[in-house]
PDB file of all heavy atoms in Angstrom:
ATOM      1  N   SER A   1       2.962  -0.142  10.498  1.00  0.00           N
ATOM      2  CA  SER A   1       2.761  -0.494   9.165  1.00  0.00           C
ATOM      3  C   SER A   1       3.945  -0.152   8.193  1.00  0.00           C
ATOM      4  O   SER A   1       4.076  -0.766   7.159  1.00  0.00           O
ATOM      5  CB  SER A   1       1.452   0.207   8.523  1.00  0.00           C
ATOM      6  OG  SER A   1       1.629   1.484   8.504  1.00  0.00           O
ATOM      7  N   GLY A   2       4.720   0.871   8.759  1.00  0.00           N
ATOM      8  CA  GLY A   2       5.805   1.200   7.860  1.00  0.00           C
ATOM      9  C   GLY A   2       7.006   0.132   7.996  1.00  0.00           C
ATOM     10  O   GLY A   2       8.016   0.226   7.259  1.00  0.00           O
ATOM     11  N   LYS A   3       6.966  -0.849   8.901  1.00  0.00           N
ATOM     12  CA  LYS A   3       7.949  -1.824   8.909  1.00  0.00           C
ATOM     13  C   LYS A   3       7.909  -2.790   7.741  1.00  0.00           C
ATOM     14  O   LYS A   3       7.810  -4.037   8.031  1.00  0.00           O
ATOM     15  CB  LYS A   3       7.794  -2.564  10.327  1.00  0.00           C
ATOM     16  CG  LYS A   3       8.011  -1.642  11.598  1.00  0.00           C
ATOM     17  CD  LYS A   3       7.907  -2.332  12.823  1.00  0.00           C
ATOM     18  CE  LYS A   3       8.021  -1.506  13.929  1.00  0.00           C
ATOM     19  NZ  LYS A   3       7.919  -2.121  15.194  1.00  0.00           N
ATOM     20  N   GLY A   4       7.863  -2.362   6.676  1.00  0.00           N
ATOM     21  CA  GLY A   4       7.999  -3.098   5.386  1.00  0.00           C
ATOM     22  C   GLY A   4       6.734  -3.837   5.030  1.00  0.00           C
ATOM     23  O   GLY A   4       6.778  -4.604   4.128  1.00  0.00           O
ATOM     24  N   ARG A   5       5.564  -3.626   5.778  1.00  0.00           N
ATOM     25  CA  ARG A   5       4.344  -4.327   5.435  1.00  0.00           C
ATOM     26  C   ARG A   5       3.449  -3.605   4.487  1.00  0.00           C
ATOM     27  O   ARG A   5       2.748  -4.165   3.647  1.00  0.00           O
ATOM     28  CB  ARG A   5       3.554  -4.586   6.629  1.00  0.00           C
ATOM     29  CG  ARG A   5       4.252  -5.556   7.661  1.00  0.00           C
ATOM     30  CD  ARG A   5       3.248  -6.102   8.747  1.00  0.00           C
ATOM     31  NE  ARG A   5       2.599  -5.058   9.356  1.00  0.00           N
ATOM     32  CZ  ARG A   5       1.155  -4.955   9.411  1.00  0.00           C
ATOM     33  NH1 ARG A   5       0.573  -6.008   8.741  1.00  0.00           N
ATOM     34  NH2 ARG A   5       0.535  -4.078  10.162  1.00  0.00           N
ATOM     35  N   PHE A   6       3.449  -2.237   4.638  1.00  0.00           N
ATOM     36  CA  PHE A   6       2.562  -1.473   3.759  1.00  0.00           C
ATOM     37  C   PHE A   6       3.350  -0.611   2.719  1.00  0.00           C
ATOM     38  O   PHE A   6       4.440  -0.053   3.223  1.00  0.00           O
ATOM     39  CB  PHE A   6       1.766  -0.504   4.546  1.00  0.00           C
ATOM     40  CG  PHE A   6       0.692  -1.182   5.388  1.00  0.00           C
ATOM     41  CD1 PHE A   6       0.511  -2.602   5.434  1.00  0.00           C
ATOM     42  CD2 PHE A   6      -0.250  -0.497   6.211  1.00  0.00           C
ATOM     43  CE1 PHE A   6      -0.444  -3.204   6.117  1.00  0.00           C
ATOM     44  CE2 PHE A   6      -1.240  -1.037   6.921  1.00  0.00           C
ATOM     45  CZ  PHE A   6      -1.306  -2.456   6.908  1.00  0.00           C
ATOM     46  N   THR A   7       2.884  -0.496   1.517  1.00  0.00           N
ATOM     47  CA  THR A   7       3.625   0.394   0.477  1.00  0.00           C
ATOM     48  C   THR A   7       2.494   1.255  -0.132  1.00  0.00           C
ATOM     49  O   THR A   7       1.489   0.709  -0.728  1.00  0.00           O
ATOM     50  CB  THR A   7       4.253  -0.423  -0.438  1.00  0.00           C
ATOM     51  OG1 THR A   7       5.301  -1.273   0.175  1.00  0.00           O
ATOM     52  CG2 THR A   7       5.010   0.418  -1.403  1.00  0.00           C
ATOM     53  N   ILE A   8       2.795   2.481  -0.067  1.00  0.00           N
ATOM     54  CA  ILE A   8       1.892   3.493  -0.916  1.00  0.00           C
ATOM     55  C   ILE A   8       2.524   3.776  -2.297  1.00  0.00           C
ATOM     56  O   ILE A   8       3.775   3.899  -2.378  1.00  0.00           O
ATOM     57  CB  ILE A   8       1.647   4.710  -0.027  1.00  0.00           C
ATOM     58  CG1 ILE A   8       0.504   5.601  -0.786  1.00  0.00           C
ATOM     59  CG2 ILE A   8       2.859   5.534   0.229  1.00  0.00           C
ATOM     60  CD1 ILE A   8       0.168   6.803   0.133  1.00  0.00           C
ATOM     61  N   SER A   9       1.667   3.921  -3.338  1.00  0.00           N
ATOM     62  CA  SER A   9       2.283   4.189  -4.542  1.00  0.00           C
ATOM     63  C   SER A   9       1.023   4.823  -5.411  1.00  0.00           C
ATOM     64  O   SER A   9      -0.021   4.871  -4.968  1.00  0.00           O
ATOM     65  CB  SER A   9       2.736   2.928  -5.325  1.00  0.00           C
ATOM     66  OG  SER A   9       1.625   2.046  -5.495  1.00  0.00           O
ATOM     67  N   ASP A  10       1.481   5.348  -6.579  1.00  0.00           N
ATOM     68  CA  ASP A  10       0.402   5.938  -7.379  1.00  0.00           C
ATOM     69  C   ASP A  10       0.648   5.628  -8.830  1.00  0.00           C
ATOM     70  O   ASP A  10       1.761   5.195  -9.289  1.00  0.00           O
ATOM     71  CB  ASP A  10       0.283   7.489  -7.040  1.00  0.00           C
ATOM     72  CG  ASP A  10       1.528   8.300  -7.506  1.00  0.00           C
ATOM     73  OD1 ASP A  10       2.577   7.618  -8.063  1.00  0.00           O
ATOM     74  OD2 ASP A  10       1.554   9.516  -7.237  1.00  0.00           O
ATOM     75  N   ASP A  11      -0.376   5.879  -9.627  1.00  0.00           N
ATOM     76  CA  ASP A  11      -0.235   5.768 -11.086  1.00  0.00           C
ATOM     77  C   ASP A  11      -0.908   6.976 -11.629  1.00  0.00           C
ATOM     78  O   ASP A  11      -2.134   7.018 -11.656  1.00  0.00           O
ATOM     79  CB  ASP A  11      -0.858   4.519 -11.617  1.00  0.00           C
ATOM     80  CG  ASP A  11      -0.819   4.298 -13.020  1.00  0.00           C
ATOM     81  OD1 ASP A  11      -0.675   5.272 -13.780  1.00  0.00           O
ATOM     82  OD2 ASP A  11      -0.866   3.153 -13.509  1.00  0.00           O
ATOM     83  N   ASN A  12      -0.184   7.999 -12.014  1.00  0.00           N
ATOM     84  CA  ASN A  12      -0.695   9.302 -12.536  1.00  0.00           C
ATOM     85  C   ASN A  12      -1.621   9.044 -13.838  1.00  0.00           C
ATOM     86  O   ASN A  12      -2.666   9.666 -13.934  1.00  0.00           O
ATOM     87  CB  ASN A  12       0.409  10.267 -12.759  1.00  0.00           C
ATOM     88  CG  ASN A  12       0.942  10.914 -11.435  1.00  0.00           C
ATOM     89  OD1 ASN A  12       0.226  11.483 -10.683  1.00  0.00           O
ATOM     90  ND2 ASN A  12       2.242  10.710 -11.284  1.00  0.00           N
ATOM     91  N   GLY A  13      -1.187   8.029 -14.624  1.00  0.00           N
ATOM     92  CA  GLY A  13      -1.986   7.799 -15.790  1.00  0.00           C
ATOM     93  C   GLY A  13      -3.387   7.410 -15.471  1.00  0.00           C
ATOM     94  O   GLY A  13      -4.285   7.594 -16.250  1.00  0.00           O
ATOM     95  N   LYS A  14      -3.509   6.577 -14.365  1.00  0.00           N
ATOM     96  CA  LYS A  14      -4.762   6.036 -13.983  1.00  0.00           C
ATOM     97  C   LYS A  14      -5.432   6.951 -12.969  1.00  0.00           C
ATOM     98  O   LYS A  14      -6.608   6.685 -12.582  1.00  0.00           O
ATOM     99  CB  LYS A  14      -4.636   4.632 -13.482  1.00  0.00           C
ATOM    100  CG  LYS A  14      -4.130   3.618 -14.538  1.00  0.00           C
ATOM    101  CD  LYS A  14      -4.145   2.237 -13.970  1.00  0.00           C
ATOM    102  CE  LYS A  14      -3.708   1.208 -15.040  1.00  0.00           C
ATOM    103  NZ  LYS A  14      -3.736  -0.153 -14.534  1.00  0.00           N
ATOM    104  N   ASN A  15      -4.686   8.024 -12.535  1.00  0.00           N
ATOM    105  CA  ASN A  15      -5.202   8.933 -11.467  1.00  0.00           C
ATOM    106  C   ASN A  15      -5.610   8.086 -10.367  1.00  0.00           C
ATOM    107  O   ASN A  15      -6.612   8.431  -9.659  1.00  0.00           O
ATOM    108  CB  ASN A  15      -6.411   9.779 -11.991  1.00  0.00           C
ATOM    109  CG  ASN A  15      -6.353  11.161 -11.397  1.00  0.00           C
ATOM    110  OD1 ASN A  15      -5.412  11.701 -11.020  1.00  0.00           O
ATOM    111  ND2 ASN A  15      -7.555  11.748 -11.396  1.00  0.00           N
ATOM    112  N   THR A  16      -4.724   7.187  -9.833  1.00  0.00           N
ATOM    113  CA  THR A  16      -5.063   6.356  -8.790  1.00  0.00           C
ATOM    114  C   THR A  16      -3.905   6.152  -7.843  1.00  0.00           C
ATOM    115  O   THR A  16      -2.798   6.195  -8.241  1.00  0.00           O
ATOM    116  CB  THR A  16      -5.550   4.902  -9.432  1.00  0.00           C
ATOM    117  OG1 THR A  16      -6.590   5.056 -10.183  1.00  0.00           O
ATOM    118  CG2 THR A  16      -5.792   3.925  -8.226  1.00  0.00           C
ATOM    119  N   VAL A  17      -4.248   6.023  -6.557  1.00  0.00           N
ATOM    120  CA  VAL A  17      -3.296   5.821  -5.495  1.00  0.00           C
ATOM    121  C   VAL A  17      -3.577   4.327  -4.868  1.00  0.00           C
ATOM    122  O   VAL A  17      -4.709   3.977  -4.774  1.00  0.00           O
ATOM    123  CB  VAL A  17      -3.438   6.852  -4.316  1.00  0.00           C
ATOM    124  CG1 VAL A  17      -2.402   6.651  -3.296  1.00  0.00           C
ATOM    125  CG2 VAL A  17      -3.061   8.243  -4.966  1.00  0.00           C
ATOM    126  N   TYR A  18      -2.611   3.710  -4.515  1.00  0.00           N
ATOM    127  CA  TYR A  18      -2.679   2.322  -4.124  1.00  0.00           C
ATOM    128  C   TYR A  18      -2.067   2.252  -2.682  1.00  0.00           C
ATOM    129  O   TYR A  18      -1.166   2.940  -2.318  1.00  0.00           O
ATOM    130  CB  TYR A  18      -1.919   1.348  -4.934  1.00  0.00           C
ATOM    131  CG  TYR A  18      -2.489   1.451  -6.425  1.00  0.00           C
ATOM    132  CD1 TYR A  18      -1.680   2.276  -7.385  1.00  0.00           C
ATOM    133  CD2 TYR A  18      -3.517   0.753  -6.936  1.00  0.00           C
ATOM    134  CE1 TYR A  18      -2.151   2.315  -8.654  1.00  0.00           C
ATOM    135  CE2 TYR A  18      -4.010   0.779  -8.178  1.00  0.00           C
ATOM    136  CZ  TYR A  18      -3.238   1.599  -9.080  1.00  0.00           C
ATOM    137  OH  TYR A  18      -3.725   1.660 -10.398  1.00  0.00           O
ATOM    138  N   LEU A  19      -2.501   1.233  -1.888  1.00  0.00           N
ATOM    139  CA  LEU A  19      -1.921   0.885  -0.710  1.00  0.00           C
ATOM    140  C   LEU A  19      -1.780  -0.750  -0.714  1.00  0.00           C
ATOM    141  O   LEU A  19      -2.799  -1.364  -0.675  1.00  0.00           O
ATOM    142  CB  LEU A  19      -2.796   1.277   0.509  1.00  0.00           C
ATOM    143  CG  LEU A  19      -2.106   0.955   1.880  1.00  0.00           C
ATOM    144  CD1 LEU A  19      -0.888   1.755   2.097  1.00  0.00           C
ATOM    145  CD2 LEU A  19      -3.168   1.051   2.992  1.00  0.00           C
ATOM    146  N   ARG A  20      -0.549  -1.104  -0.835  1.00  0.00           N
ATOM    147  CA  ARG A  20      -0.324  -2.519  -0.850  1.00  0.00           C
ATOM    148  C   ARG A  20      -0.081  -2.970   0.699  1.00  0.00           C
ATOM    149  O   ARG A  20       0.802  -2.402   1.269  1.00  0.00           O
ATOM    150  CB  ARG A  20       0.930  -2.763  -1.719  1.00  0.00           C
ATOM    151  CG  ARG A  20       1.426  -4.229  -1.635  1.00  0.00           C
ATOM    152  CD  ARG A  20       0.369  -5.302  -2.297  1.00  0.00           C
ATOM    153  NE  ARG A  20       0.857  -6.608  -2.267  1.00  0.00           N
ATOM    154  CZ  ARG A  20       0.171  -7.649  -2.768  1.00  0.00           C
ATOM    155  NH1 ARG A  20      -0.987  -7.577  -3.278  1.00  0.00           N
ATOM    156  NH2 ARG A  20       0.654  -8.871  -2.713  1.00  0.00           N
ATOM    157  N   MET A  21      -0.727  -3.912   1.063  1.00  0.00           N
ATOM    158  CA  MET A  21      -0.794  -4.480   2.455  1.00  0.00           C
ATOM    159  C   MET A  21      -0.253  -5.857   2.421  1.00  0.00           C
ATOM    160  O   MET A  21      -0.954  -6.784   1.946  1.00  0.00           O
ATOM    161  CB  MET A  21      -2.042  -4.195   3.181  1.00  0.00           C
ATOM    162  CG  MET A  21      -2.465  -2.770   3.155  1.00  0.00           C
ATOM    163  SD  MET A  21      -3.991  -2.451   4.129  1.00  0.00           S
ATOM    164  CE  MET A  21      -5.100  -3.563   3.202  1.00  0.00           C
ATOM    165  N   ASN A  22       0.835  -6.102   2.940  1.00  0.00           N
ATOM    166  CA  ASN A  22       1.376  -7.543   3.089  1.00  0.00           C
ATOM    167  C   ASN A  22       1.364  -7.920   4.584  1.00  0.00           C
ATOM    168  O   ASN A  22       1.380  -7.151   5.412  1.00  0.00           O
ATOM    169  CB  ASN A  22       2.804  -7.600   2.581  1.00  0.00           C
ATOM    170  CG  ASN A  22       2.866  -7.323   1.047  1.00  0.00           C
ATOM    171  OD1 ASN A  22       1.921  -7.613   0.259  1.00  0.00           O
ATOM    172  ND2 ASN A  22       3.889  -6.681   0.717  1.00  0.00           N
ATOM    173  N   SER A  23       1.564  -9.282   4.818  1.00  0.00           N
ATOM    174  CA  SER A  23       1.716  -9.837   6.126  1.00  0.00           C
ATOM    175  C   SER A  23       0.588  -9.281   7.062  1.00  0.00           C
ATOM    176  O   SER A  23       0.807  -8.748   8.222  1.00  0.00           O
ATOM    177  CB  SER A  23       3.051  -9.523   6.752  1.00  0.00           C
ATOM    178  OG  SER A  23       4.092 -10.015   5.983  1.00  0.00           O
ATOM    179  N   LEU A  24      -0.622  -9.312   6.559  1.00  0.00           N
ATOM    180  CA  LEU A  24      -1.705  -8.742   7.351  1.00  0.00           C
ATOM    181  C   LEU A  24      -1.960  -9.423   8.670  1.00  0.00           C
ATOM    182  O   LEU A  24      -1.729 -10.624   8.782  1.00  0.00           O
ATOM    183  CB  LEU A  24      -3.020  -8.879   6.444  1.00  0.00           C
ATOM    184  CG  LEU A  24      -3.141  -7.873   5.265  1.00  0.00           C
ATOM    185  CD1 LEU A  24      -4.188  -8.283   4.275  1.00  0.00           C
ATOM    186  CD2 LEU A  24      -3.394  -6.503   5.756  1.00  0.00           C
ATOM    187  N   LYS A  25      -2.398  -8.545   9.648  1.00  0.00           N
ATOM    188  CA  LYS A  25      -2.599  -9.088  10.970  1.00  0.00           C
ATOM    189  C   LYS A  25      -4.168  -8.698  11.288  1.00  0.00           C
ATOM    190  O   LYS A  25      -4.691  -7.761  10.707  1.00  0.00           O
ATOM    191  CB  LYS A  25      -1.810  -8.292  11.986  1.00  0.00           C
ATOM    192  CG  LYS A  25      -0.216  -8.466  11.635  1.00  0.00           C
ATOM    193  CD  LYS A  25       0.493  -7.530  12.606  1.00  0.00           C
ATOM    194  CE  LYS A  25       2.018  -7.573  12.223  1.00  0.00           C
ATOM    195  NZ  LYS A  25       2.886  -6.678  13.179  1.00  0.00           N
ATOM    196  N   PRO A  26      -4.687  -9.456  12.102  1.00  0.00           N
ATOM    197  CA  PRO A  26      -6.042  -9.188  12.567  1.00  0.00           C
ATOM    198  C   PRO A  26      -6.309  -7.647  13.085  1.00  0.00           C
ATOM    199  O   PRO A  26      -7.367  -7.168  12.798  1.00  0.00           O
ATOM    200  CB  PRO A  26      -6.227 -10.146  13.790  1.00  0.00           C
ATOM    201  CG  PRO A  26      -5.455 -11.252  13.391  1.00  0.00           C
ATOM    202  CD  PRO A  26      -4.138 -10.716  12.830  1.00  0.00           C
ATOM    203  N   GLU A  27      -5.257  -7.197  13.663  1.00  0.00           N
ATOM    204  CA  GLU A  27      -5.411  -5.820  14.117  1.00  0.00           C
ATOM    205  C   GLU A  27      -5.373  -4.777  12.916  1.00  0.00           C
ATOM    206  O   GLU A  27      -5.495  -3.563  13.162  1.00  0.00           O
ATOM    207  CB  GLU A  27      -4.280  -5.438  15.056  1.00  0.00           C
ATOM    208  CG  GLU A  27      -2.803  -5.761  14.680  1.00  0.00           C
ATOM    209  CD  GLU A  27      -2.431  -7.167  15.151  1.00  0.00           C
ATOM    210  OE1 GLU A  27      -3.183  -8.088  15.188  1.00  0.00           O
ATOM    211  OE2 GLU A  27      -1.242  -7.230  15.698  1.00  0.00           O
TER     212      GLU A  27
END
């Protein structure tokens, strides 16, 4: 997933963490 497809980020103001997932695969 680290091959440019997934990105973890956060927003301290919203107290929220995100996982952006691109080029999704059935697996």
